[in-house]
Amino acid sequence: MKNGFTLTEALVTIVIFVLVIGAIYEAYILNQRASREGEALAELTQNGRVILERMTREIRQAKEIVTDLPSTSTEATSTVEFEDGHDTSYIHYIRYFKDDDDKTVKREVIGYYFSPSGNPNDTSTYVTWDATSSGETLATTTIESPQIIGEWVSDLKIWKSTTINISLILKKEEKILNLETKIYGRNL
């Protein structure tokens, strides 16, 4: 009597081994895919939270909203400008806007002054956005250049009914996240 496996036993063993390894590999691939999707959703959630929290905090402190916000979401704008109510050492305005080129939301700080007599770098010459002066032109200067506060933004809508409403849609890979908030201005 010889010790060993027959060809049939060896083939059955190999087939079972391949099936088990294939099942383990498939479970690993599914786990990796779920992990990537979870990471993408977590990044979208974090970006959306940062964008909405920062905009909400600063709009609540605003002295005045400069942008003429529409009253419905269908006519909403993707830009809002307002006078900063937090730092009152000089008059300046914060502008949030969606940059379509790189799918981000950016924040910049601008100042208004009268040209040519005003110095765009002198904060004491800044005036309100609706100031008038005979013979001088109201001009703007960038105090803080646009900085990215969030990415993967496919849509940003801002409108005002009884409150200021912000709708944000973020997209990364195949994941889409819709966020909305309502802002009650303290100084408005």
N, C-alpha and C. Protein backbone atom coordinates (compact mmCIF):
# COMPACT_ATOMS: atom_id res chain seq x y z
N MET A 1 0.83 -1.17 0.00
CA MET A 1 0.00 0.00 0.00
C MET A 1 0.88 1.24 0.00
N LYS A 2 0.55 2.18 -0.91
CA LYS A 2 1.33 3.41 -1.03
C LYS A 2 0.65 4.53 -0.23
N ASN A 3 1.48 5.36 0.40
CA ASN A 3 0.96 6.55 1.08
C ASN A 3 0.96 7.72 0.11
N GLY A 4 -0.10 8.52 0.10
CA GLY A 4 -0.18 9.67 -0.79
C GLY A 4 -1.61 9.97 -1.17
N PHE A 5 -1.75 10.95 -2.03
CA PHE A 5 -3.08 11.39 -2.48
C PHE A 5 -3.29 10.95 -3.91
N THR A 6 -4.51 10.65 -4.21
CA THR A 6 -4.84 10.38 -5.60
C THR A 6 -4.99 11.71 -6.32
N LEU A 7 -5.01 11.67 -7.63
CA LEU A 7 -5.16 12.89 -8.43
C LEU A 7 -6.48 13.58 -8.10
N THR A 8 -7.52 12.84 -7.91
CA THR A 8 -8.83 13.41 -7.59
C THR A 8 -8.79 14.12 -6.24
N GLU A 9 -8.18 13.50 -5.25
CA GLU A 9 -8.08 14.12 -3.92
C GLU A 9 -7.26 15.41 -4.00
N ALA A 10 -6.19 15.42 -4.73
CA ALA A 10 -5.35 16.61 -4.88
C ALA A 10 -6.12 17.73 -5.56
N LEU A 11 -6.86 17.40 -6.62
CA LEU A 11 -7.65 18.41 -7.34
C LEU A 11 -8.75 18.99 -6.46
N VAL A 12 -9.43 18.15 -5.70
CA VAL A 12 -10.48 18.63 -4.79
C VAL A 12 -9.88 19.56 -3.74
N THR A 13 -8.74 19.19 -3.20
CA THR A 13 -8.07 20.00 -2.19
C THR A 13 -7.67 21.36 -2.78
N ILE A 14 -7.13 21.37 -3.98
CA ILE A 14 -6.71 22.62 -4.64
C ILE A 14 -7.93 23.51 -4.91
N VAL A 15 -9.02 22.92 -5.39
CA VAL A 15 -10.24 23.71 -5.67
C VAL A 15 -10.77 24.33 -4.39
N ILE A 16 -10.83 23.57 -3.31
CA ILE A 16 -11.31 24.10 -2.03
C ILE A 16 -10.39 25.22 -1.55
N PHE A 17 -9.08 25.01 -1.67
CA PHE A 17 -8.11 26.02 -1.26
C PHE A 17 -8.31 27.32 -2.07
N VAL A 18 -8.47 27.20 -3.38
CA VAL A 18 -8.66 28.38 -4.25
C VAL A 18 -9.96 29.09 -3.88
N LEU A 19 -11.03 28.35 -3.61
CA LEU A 19 -12.31 28.96 -3.23
C LEU A 19 -12.20 29.72 -1.90
N VAL A 20 -11.51 29.14 -0.93
CA VAL A 20 -11.33 29.80 0.37
C VAL A 20 -10.49 31.07 0.21
N ILE A 21 -9.39 30.97 -0.53
CA ILE A 21 -8.53 32.15 -0.76
C ILE A 21 -9.31 33.23 -1.53
N GLY A 22 -10.10 32.82 -2.53
CA GLY A 22 -10.91 33.78 -3.29
C GLY A 22 -11.93 34.49 -2.41
N ALA A 23 -12.57 33.76 -1.51
CA ALA A 23 -13.55 34.36 -0.60
C ALA A 23 -12.87 35.34 0.35
N ILE A 24 -11.70 34.97 0.86
CA ILE A 24 -10.96 35.86 1.76
C ILE A 24 -10.54 37.12 1.00
N TYR A 25 -10.06 36.97 -0.23
CA TYR A 25 -9.65 38.12 -1.04
C TYR A 25 -10.84 39.04 -1.32
N GLU A 26 -11.97 38.49 -1.66
CA GLU A 26 -13.17 39.28 -1.94
C GLU A 26 -13.61 40.05 -0.69
N ALA A 27 -13.56 39.42 0.46
CA ALA A 27 -13.90 40.10 1.71
C ALA A 27 -12.93 41.25 1.99
N TYR A 28 -11.67 41.02 1.71
CA TYR A 28 -10.65 42.07 1.88
C TYR A 28 -10.93 43.25 0.96
N ILE A 29 -11.24 42.99 -0.31
CA ILE A 29 -11.53 44.05 -1.28
C ILE A 29 -12.77 44.85 -0.85
N LEU A 30 -13.82 44.16 -0.42
CA LEU A 30 -15.03 44.84 0.05
C LEU A 30 -14.74 45.71 1.27
N ASN A 31 -13.91 45.20 2.16
CA ASN A 31 -13.53 45.96 3.35
C ASN A 31 -12.75 47.22 2.96
N GLN A 32 -11.83 47.10 2.02
CA GLN A 32 -11.05 48.25 1.56
C GLN A 32 -11.96 49.30 0.90
N ARG A 33 -12.89 48.86 0.08
CA ARG A 33 -13.82 49.77 -0.60
C ARG A 33 -14.69 50.50 0.43
N ALA A 34 -15.20 49.78 1.40
CA ALA A 34 -16.03 50.39 2.45
C ALA A 34 -15.21 51.40 3.26
N SER A 35 -13.96 51.06 3.50
CA SER A 35 -13.08 51.96 4.24
C SER A 35 -12.84 53.25 3.47
N ARG A 36 -12.57 53.15 2.16
CA ARG A 36 -12.36 54.34 1.33
C ARG A 36 -13.61 55.21 1.27
N GLU A 37 -14.76 54.56 1.13
CA GLU A 37 -16.01 55.31 1.08
C GLU A 37 -16.28 56.00 2.42
N GLY A 38 -15.98 55.33 3.50
CA GLY A 38 -16.14 55.92 4.83
C GLY A 38 -15.23 57.12 5.03
N GLU A 39 -13.98 57.00 4.56
CA GLU A 39 -13.04 58.11 4.66
C GLU A 39 -13.51 59.29 3.82
N ALA A 40 -14.00 59.04 2.62
CA ALA A 40 -14.49 60.12 1.75
C ALA A 40 -15.67 60.83 2.41
N LEU A 41 -16.59 60.08 2.99
CA LEU A 41 -17.74 60.68 3.65
C LEU A 41 -17.31 61.47 4.89
N ALA A 42 -16.34 60.95 5.63
CA ALA A 42 -15.83 61.67 6.80
C ALA A 42 -15.16 62.98 6.39
N GLU A 43 -14.39 62.96 5.29
CA GLU A 43 -13.77 64.19 4.80
C GLU A 43 -14.81 65.21 4.35
N LEU A 44 -15.83 64.74 3.64
CA LEU A 44 -16.89 65.64 3.22
C LEU A 44 -17.61 66.25 4.42
N THR A 45 -17.91 65.43 5.40
CA THR A 45 -18.59 65.91 6.60
C THR A 45 -17.75 66.94 7.33
N GLN A 46 -16.47 66.68 7.48
CA GLN A 46 -15.56 67.61 8.16
C GLN A 46 -15.46 68.93 7.39
N ASN A 47 -15.30 68.85 6.07
CA ASN A 47 -15.22 70.07 5.26
C ASN A 47 -16.50 70.88 5.37
N GLY A 48 -17.63 70.22 5.24
CA GLY A 48 -18.91 70.91 5.33
C GLY A 48 -19.11 71.55 6.69
N ARG A 49 -18.74 70.85 7.73
CA ARG A 49 -18.87 71.38 9.09
C ARG A 49 -18.02 72.63 9.28
N VAL A 50 -16.78 72.58 8.80
CA VAL A 50 -15.88 73.73 8.93
C VAL A 50 -16.43 74.94 8.17
N ILE A 51 -16.87 74.72 6.94
CA ILE A 51 -17.41 75.81 6.13
C ILE A 51 -18.61 76.45 6.82
N LEU A 52 -19.58 75.63 7.20
CA LEU A 52 -20.81 76.16 7.79
C LEU A 52 -20.58 76.80 9.15
N GLU A 53 -19.74 76.21 9.98
CA GLU A 53 -19.49 76.80 11.29
C GLU A 53 -18.79 78.14 11.19
N ARG A 54 -17.82 78.25 10.30
CA ARG A 54 -17.10 79.52 10.16
C ARG A 54 -18.00 80.61 9.59
N MET A 55 -18.74 80.27 8.54
CA MET A 55 -19.65 81.24 7.96
C MET A 55 -20.72 81.66 8.97
N THR A 56 -21.27 80.70 9.69
CA THR A 56 -22.31 80.98 10.67
C THR A 56 -21.79 81.91 11.76
N ARG A 57 -20.64 81.62 12.30
CA ARG A 57 -20.07 82.43 13.38
C ARG A 57 -19.86 83.87 12.93
N GLU A 58 -19.30 84.06 11.73
CA GLU A 58 -19.00 85.43 11.29
C GLU A 58 -20.25 86.17 10.83
N ILE A 59 -21.20 85.48 10.21
CA ILE A 59 -22.43 86.16 9.78
C ILE A 59 -23.25 86.58 11.01
N ARG A 60 -23.25 85.77 12.06
CA ARG A 60 -23.96 86.15 13.29
C ARG A 60 -23.41 87.45 13.87
N GLN A 61 -22.12 87.68 13.72
CA GLN A 61 -21.49 88.89 14.26
C GLN A 61 -21.56 90.07 13.30
N ALA A 62 -22.05 89.86 12.09
CA ALA A 62 -22.04 90.91 11.06
C ALA A 62 -22.85 92.12 11.51
N LYS A 63 -22.31 93.31 11.17
CA LYS A 63 -23.06 94.55 11.42
C LYS A 63 -24.11 94.75 10.35
N GLU A 64 -23.75 94.39 9.11
CA GLU A 64 -24.66 94.60 7.99
C GLU A 64 -24.30 93.64 6.87
N ILE A 65 -25.33 93.06 6.25
CA ILE A 65 -25.13 92.22 5.07
C ILE A 65 -25.15 93.14 3.86
N VAL A 66 -24.07 93.15 3.09
CA VAL A 66 -23.96 94.01 1.91
C VAL A 66 -24.64 93.37 0.70
N THR A 67 -24.47 92.08 0.55
CA THR A 67 -25.03 91.37 -0.59
C THR A 67 -26.56 91.41 -0.51
N ASP A 68 -27.18 91.73 -1.63
CA ASP A 68 -28.64 91.70 -1.71
C ASP A 68 -29.06 90.25 -1.91
N LEU A 69 -29.39 89.59 -0.81
CA LEU A 69 -29.71 88.16 -0.87
C LEU A 69 -31.14 87.95 -1.35
N PRO A 70 -31.33 87.03 -2.30
CA PRO A 70 -32.69 86.72 -2.78
C PRO A 70 -33.50 86.03 -1.68
N SER A 71 -34.81 85.98 -1.87
CA SER A 71 -35.68 85.44 -0.83
C SER A 71 -36.01 83.96 -1.02
N THR A 72 -35.57 83.35 -2.12
CA THR A 72 -35.84 81.93 -2.34
C THR A 72 -34.56 81.19 -2.71
N SER A 73 -34.59 79.89 -2.47
CA SER A 73 -33.41 79.07 -2.78
C SER A 73 -33.19 78.92 -4.28
N THR A 74 -34.25 79.05 -5.07
CA THR A 74 -34.10 78.92 -6.52
C THR A 74 -33.34 80.10 -7.12
N GLU A 75 -33.37 81.24 -6.45
CA GLU A 75 -32.66 82.43 -6.93
C GLU A 75 -31.40 82.70 -6.12
N ALA A 76 -31.00 81.77 -5.28
CA ALA A 76 -29.90 81.95 -4.34
C ALA A 76 -28.59 82.31 -5.04
N THR A 77 -27.72 82.96 -4.29
CA THR A 77 -26.40 83.35 -4.77
C THR A 77 -25.34 82.46 -4.13
N SER A 78 -24.15 82.46 -4.70
CA SER A 78 -23.05 81.67 -4.11
C SER A 78 -22.00 82.58 -3.48
N THR A 79 -22.39 83.84 -3.22
CA THR A 79 -21.48 84.81 -2.62
C THR A 79 -22.23 85.59 -1.55
N VAL A 80 -21.55 85.88 -0.45
CA VAL A 80 -22.13 86.77 0.55
C VAL A 80 -21.02 87.69 1.07
N GLU A 81 -21.36 88.97 1.19
CA GLU A 81 -20.42 89.96 1.72
C GLU A 81 -21.11 90.69 2.85
N PHE A 82 -20.36 90.93 3.94
CA PHE A 82 -20.94 91.60 5.10
C PHE A 82 -19.86 92.35 5.86
N GLU A 83 -20.32 93.38 6.62
CA GLU A 83 -19.39 94.15 7.44
C GLU A 83 -19.07 93.35 8.69
N ASP A 84 -17.79 93.22 8.98
CA ASP A 84 -17.35 92.46 10.14
C ASP A 84 -17.78 93.19 11.41
N GLY A 85 -18.49 92.50 12.28
CA GLY A 85 -18.93 93.08 13.53
C GLY A 85 -18.10 92.63 14.71
N HIS A 86 -17.15 91.75 14.47
CA HIS A 86 -16.31 91.25 15.56
C HIS A 86 -15.14 92.19 15.83
N ASP A 87 -14.40 92.56 14.80
CA ASP A 87 -13.26 93.48 14.94
C ASP A 87 -13.72 94.86 14.48
N THR A 88 -13.98 95.74 15.42
CA THR A 88 -14.50 97.07 15.08
C THR A 88 -13.42 98.15 15.12
N SER A 89 -12.15 97.75 15.11
CA SER A 89 -11.07 98.74 15.14
C SER A 89 -11.00 99.53 13.84
N TYR A 90 -11.50 98.98 12.76
CA TYR A 90 -11.62 99.67 11.48
C TYR A 90 -12.72 99.00 10.67
N ILE A 91 -13.21 99.70 9.67
CA ILE A 91 -14.30 99.17 8.85
C ILE A 91 -13.72 98.24 7.79
N HIS A 92 -14.18 97.01 7.79
CA HIS A 92 -13.77 96.07 6.76
C HIS A 92 -14.89 95.06 6.53
N TYR A 93 -14.82 94.41 5.39
CA TYR A 93 -15.89 93.51 4.96
C TYR A 93 -15.33 92.13 4.67
N ILE A 94 -16.12 91.12 5.02
CA ILE A 94 -15.74 89.73 4.77
C ILE A 94 -16.61 89.24 3.62
N ARG A 95 -15.98 88.52 2.72
CA ARG A 95 -16.71 87.96 1.58
C ARG A 95 -16.41 86.47 1.49
N TYR A 96 -17.47 85.68 1.48
CA TYR A 96 -17.38 84.24 1.23
C TYR A 96 -17.91 83.99 -0.18
N PHE A 97 -17.23 83.13 -0.91
CA PHE A 97 -17.68 82.83 -2.27
C PHE A 97 -17.21 81.44 -2.69
N LYS A 98 -17.95 80.87 -3.64
CA LYS A 98 -17.58 79.57 -4.20
C LYS A 98 -16.71 79.81 -5.41
N ASP A 99 -15.54 79.20 -5.43
CA ASP A 99 -14.64 79.27 -6.58
C ASP A 99 -14.91 78.05 -7.46
N ASP A 100 -15.50 78.30 -8.62
CA ASP A 100 -15.86 77.19 -9.52
C ASP A 100 -14.65 76.49 -10.12
N ASP A 101 -13.52 77.20 -10.21
CA ASP A 101 -12.32 76.61 -10.83
C ASP A 101 -11.78 75.43 -10.04
N ASP A 102 -11.69 75.58 -8.73
CA ASP A 102 -11.12 74.49 -7.92
C ASP A 102 -12.11 73.89 -6.92
N LYS A 103 -13.40 74.19 -7.09
CA LYS A 103 -14.48 73.60 -6.26
C LYS A 103 -14.24 73.80 -4.77
N THR A 104 -13.93 75.06 -4.40
CA THR A 104 -13.69 75.39 -3.00
C THR A 104 -14.58 76.56 -2.58
N VAL A 105 -14.69 76.75 -1.27
CA VAL A 105 -15.28 77.96 -0.72
C VAL A 105 -14.13 78.76 -0.15
N LYS A 106 -14.09 80.05 -0.52
CA LYS A 106 -12.99 80.91 -0.08
C LYS A 106 -13.53 82.09 0.73
N ARG A 107 -12.64 82.65 1.55
CA ARG A 107 -12.95 83.80 2.39
C ARG A 107 -11.90 84.86 2.12
N GLU A 108 -12.36 86.09 1.94
CA GLU A 108 -11.43 87.20 1.79
C GLU A 108 -11.94 88.39 2.59
N VAL A 109 -11.03 89.29 2.93
CA VAL A 109 -11.39 90.51 3.65
C VAL A 109 -11.04 91.68 2.74
N ILE A 110 -12.01 92.59 2.57
CA ILE A 110 -11.79 93.75 1.70
C ILE A 110 -12.15 95.03 2.44
N GLY A 111 -11.62 96.12 1.93
CA GLY A 111 -11.92 97.44 2.48
C GLY A 111 -12.31 98.38 1.35
N TYR A 112 -13.16 99.33 1.67
CA TYR A 112 -13.59 100.36 0.71
C TYR A 112 -12.92 101.67 1.10
N TYR A 113 -12.48 102.44 0.09
CA TYR A 113 -11.85 103.74 0.34
C TYR A 113 -12.13 104.61 -0.88
N PHE A 114 -11.89 105.92 -0.70
CA PHE A 114 -12.08 106.83 -1.82
C PHE A 114 -10.76 107.04 -2.55
N SER A 115 -10.82 106.88 -3.85
CA SER A 115 -9.66 107.02 -4.71
C SER A 115 -9.77 108.35 -5.44
N PRO A 116 -8.75 109.11 -5.68
CA PRO A 116 -7.33 108.85 -5.44
C PRO A 116 -6.81 109.37 -4.11
N SER A 117 -7.61 110.10 -3.32
CA SER A 117 -7.07 110.70 -2.10
C SER A 117 -6.79 109.69 -1.00
N GLY A 118 -7.50 108.56 -0.98
CA GLY A 118 -7.30 107.57 0.06
C GLY A 118 -6.15 106.63 -0.23
N ASN A 119 -5.56 106.14 0.83
CA ASN A 119 -4.48 105.17 0.72
C ASN A 119 -5.06 103.78 1.00
N PRO A 120 -5.02 102.86 0.04
CA PRO A 120 -5.63 101.55 0.25
C PRO A 120 -4.99 100.74 1.38
N ASN A 121 -3.81 101.12 1.83
CA ASN A 121 -3.15 100.39 2.91
C ASN A 121 -3.35 101.04 4.27
N ASP A 122 -4.02 102.18 4.32
CA ASP A 122 -4.26 102.90 5.56
C ASP A 122 -5.66 102.57 6.06
N THR A 123 -5.76 101.79 7.13
CA THR A 123 -7.07 101.35 7.62
C THR A 123 -7.92 102.50 8.12
N SER A 124 -7.33 103.65 8.44
CA SER A 124 -8.13 104.78 8.92
C SER A 124 -8.89 105.45 7.78
N THR A 125 -8.53 105.15 6.53
CA THR A 125 -9.24 105.75 5.39
C THR A 125 -10.39 104.88 4.90
N TYR A 126 -10.60 103.71 5.48
CA TYR A 126 -11.68 102.83 5.04
C TYR A 126 -13.03 103.41 5.41
N VAL A 127 -13.97 103.26 4.49
CA VAL A 127 -15.32 103.78 4.68
C VAL A 127 -16.32 102.64 4.45
N THR A 128 -17.58 102.92 4.71
CA THR A 128 -18.60 101.90 4.48
C THR A 128 -18.80 101.69 2.98
N TRP A 129 -19.35 100.57 2.63
CA TRP A 129 -19.52 100.19 1.22
C TRP A 129 -20.46 101.13 0.46
N ASP A 130 -21.33 101.82 1.17
CA ASP A 130 -22.30 102.71 0.52
C ASP A 130 -21.98 104.19 0.72
N ALA A 131 -20.75 104.49 1.14
CA ALA A 131 -20.35 105.89 1.37
C ALA A 131 -20.29 106.65 0.04
N THR A 132 -20.55 107.94 0.11
CA THR A 132 -20.48 108.79 -1.08
C THR A 132 -19.61 109.99 -0.79
N SER A 133 -18.99 110.49 -1.84
CA SER A 133 -18.14 111.68 -1.75
C SER A 133 -18.16 112.35 -3.11
N SER A 134 -18.29 113.66 -3.10
CA SER A 134 -18.33 114.36 -4.38
C SER A 134 -16.94 114.38 -5.01
N GLY A 135 -16.89 113.95 -6.26
CA GLY A 135 -15.65 114.00 -7.02
C GLY A 135 -14.69 112.85 -6.79
N GLU A 136 -14.99 111.97 -5.86
CA GLU A 136 -14.10 110.84 -5.61
C GLU A 136 -14.82 109.54 -5.90
N THR A 137 -14.07 108.55 -6.30
CA THR A 137 -14.63 107.26 -6.66
C THR A 137 -14.39 106.27 -5.53
N LEU A 138 -15.43 105.51 -5.20
CA LEU A 138 -15.29 104.48 -4.18
C LEU A 138 -14.55 103.28 -4.79
N ALA A 139 -13.47 102.88 -4.15
CA ALA A 139 -12.65 101.77 -4.65
C ALA A 139 -12.53 100.71 -3.55
N THR A 140 -12.08 99.52 -3.94
CA THR A 140 -11.88 98.45 -2.96
C THR A 140 -10.42 97.99 -2.98
N THR A 141 -10.02 97.46 -1.87
CA THR A 141 -8.70 96.86 -1.77
C THR A 141 -8.81 95.55 -0.99
N THR A 142 -7.94 94.63 -1.30
CA THR A 142 -7.94 93.35 -0.59
C THR A 142 -7.05 93.48 0.63
N ILE A 143 -7.64 93.26 1.79
CA ILE A 143 -6.89 93.31 3.05
C ILE A 143 -6.30 91.94 3.34
N GLU A 144 -7.11 90.90 3.20
CA GLU A 144 -6.63 89.52 3.30
C GLU A 144 -7.02 88.81 2.02
N SER A 145 -6.05 88.26 1.33
CA SER A 145 -6.33 87.59 0.05
C SER A 145 -7.20 86.36 0.28
N PRO A 146 -7.91 85.92 -0.75
CA PRO A 146 -8.80 84.76 -0.60
C PRO A 146 -8.06 83.53 -0.09
N GLN A 147 -8.65 82.92 0.93
CA GLN A 147 -8.10 81.70 1.51
C GLN A 147 -9.15 80.61 1.47
N ILE A 148 -8.73 79.41 1.16
CA ILE A 148 -9.64 78.27 1.09
C ILE A 148 -10.05 77.88 2.50
N ILE A 149 -11.38 77.75 2.70
CA ILE A 149 -11.85 77.25 4.00
C ILE A 149 -12.50 75.88 3.88
N GLY A 150 -12.75 75.43 2.64
CA GLY A 150 -13.32 74.10 2.43
C GLY A 150 -13.22 73.70 0.97
N GLU A 151 -13.11 72.41 0.73
CA GLU A 151 -12.98 71.91 -0.64
C GLU A 151 -14.07 70.91 -0.97
N TRP A 152 -14.08 70.44 -2.22
CA TRP A 152 -15.03 69.49 -2.77
C TRP A 152 -16.46 70.04 -2.79
N VAL A 153 -16.58 71.35 -2.98
CA VAL A 153 -17.89 72.00 -2.98
C VAL A 153 -18.44 72.03 -4.41
N SER A 154 -19.54 71.34 -4.63
CA SER A 154 -20.15 71.37 -5.96
C SER A 154 -21.24 72.42 -6.05
N ASP A 155 -21.79 72.85 -4.90
CA ASP A 155 -22.81 73.90 -4.94
C ASP A 155 -22.88 74.62 -3.60
N LEU A 156 -23.04 75.92 -3.65
CA LEU A 156 -23.23 76.76 -2.47
C LEU A 156 -24.36 77.72 -2.78
N LYS A 157 -25.39 77.73 -1.96
CA LYS A 157 -26.53 78.62 -2.15
C LYS A 157 -26.77 79.40 -0.87
N ILE A 158 -26.94 80.72 -1.03
CA ILE A 158 -27.21 81.58 0.12
C ILE A 158 -28.42 82.43 -0.23
N TRP A 159 -29.41 82.44 0.66
CA TRP A 159 -30.60 83.26 0.46
C TRP A 159 -31.14 83.68 1.82
N LYS A 160 -32.05 84.64 1.80
CA LYS A 160 -32.58 85.16 3.06
C LYS A 160 -34.10 85.22 2.98
N SER A 161 -34.73 84.50 3.90
CA SER A 161 -36.17 84.66 4.08
C SER A 161 -36.31 85.41 5.41
N THR A 162 -36.75 84.77 6.47
CA THR A 162 -36.71 85.42 7.78
C THR A 162 -35.34 85.23 8.43
N THR A 163 -34.61 84.23 7.95
CA THR A 163 -33.25 83.97 8.41
C THR A 163 -32.34 83.90 7.18
N ILE A 164 -31.06 83.89 7.42
CA ILE A 164 -30.11 83.66 6.34
C ILE A 164 -29.94 82.15 6.23
N ASN A 165 -30.14 81.63 5.03
CA ASN A 165 -30.07 80.19 4.79
C ASN A 165 -28.85 79.87 3.93
N ILE A 166 -28.18 78.80 4.27
CA ILE A 166 -27.04 78.34 3.48
C ILE A 166 -27.25 76.86 3.17
N SER A 167 -27.16 76.53 1.89
CA SER A 167 -27.23 75.15 1.43
C SER A 167 -25.89 74.82 0.79
N LEU A 168 -25.34 73.69 1.15
CA LEU A 168 -24.01 73.30 0.71
C LEU A 168 -24.06 71.87 0.20
N ILE A 169 -23.55 71.64 -1.01
CA ILE A 169 -23.46 70.28 -1.55
C ILE A 169 -21.98 70.00 -1.81
N LEU A 170 -21.49 68.95 -1.21
CA LEU A 170 -20.10 68.54 -1.37
C LEU A 170 -20.06 67.20 -2.09
N LYS A 171 -19.05 67.01 -2.94
CA LYS A 171 -18.92 65.76 -3.69
C LYS A 171 -17.45 65.38 -3.78
N LYS A 172 -17.18 64.14 -3.39
CA LYS A 172 -15.83 63.57 -3.53
C LYS A 172 -15.98 62.14 -3.98
N GLU A 173 -15.28 61.81 -5.05
CA GLU A 173 -15.43 60.51 -5.69
C GLU A 173 -16.90 60.33 -6.02
N GLU A 174 -17.55 59.32 -5.53
CA GLU A 174 -18.97 59.13 -5.82
C GLU A 174 -19.86 59.49 -4.63
N LYS A 175 -19.27 60.01 -3.57
CA LYS A 175 -20.04 60.37 -2.37
C LYS A 175 -20.52 61.81 -2.49
N ILE A 176 -21.79 62.04 -2.13
CA ILE A 176 -22.39 63.37 -2.15
C ILE A 176 -22.99 63.63 -0.78
N LEU A 177 -22.74 64.84 -0.25
CA LEU A 177 -23.24 65.23 1.06
C LEU A 177 -23.97 66.55 0.93
N ASN A 178 -25.22 66.60 1.37
CA ASN A 178 -26.03 67.82 1.37
C ASN A 178 -26.15 68.33 2.80
N LEU A 179 -25.81 69.60 3.02
CA LEU A 179 -25.92 70.21 4.33
C LEU A 179 -26.67 71.54 4.20
N GLU A 180 -27.45 71.88 5.22
CA GLU A 180 -28.15 73.16 5.25
C GLU A 180 -28.12 73.70 6.66
N THR A 181 -28.13 75.03 6.75
CA THR A 181 -28.22 75.67 8.06
C THR A 181 -28.99 76.98 7.92
N LYS A 182 -29.49 77.45 9.04
CA LYS A 182 -30.18 78.74 9.12
C LYS A 182 -29.41 79.58 10.14
N ILE A 183 -29.24 80.86 9.79
CA ILE A 183 -28.46 81.75 10.66
C ILE A 183 -29.34 82.89 11.11
N TYR A 184 -29.36 83.10 12.42
CA TYR A 184 -30.06 84.23 13.01
C TYR A 184 -29.01 85.25 13.39
N GLY A 185 -28.96 86.38 12.69
CA GLY A 185 -27.95 87.40 12.97
C GLY A 185 -28.20 88.10 14.28
N ARG A 186 -27.17 88.27 15.09
CA ARG A 186 -27.28 88.96 16.36
C ARG A 186 -27.37 90.47 16.18
N ASN A 187 -26.62 90.98 15.21
CA ASN A 187 -26.55 92.42 15.01
C ASN A 187 -27.38 92.91 13.84
N LEU A 188 -28.08 92.01 13.16
CA LEU A 188 -28.83 92.38 11.97
C LEU A 188 -30.25 92.75 12.29
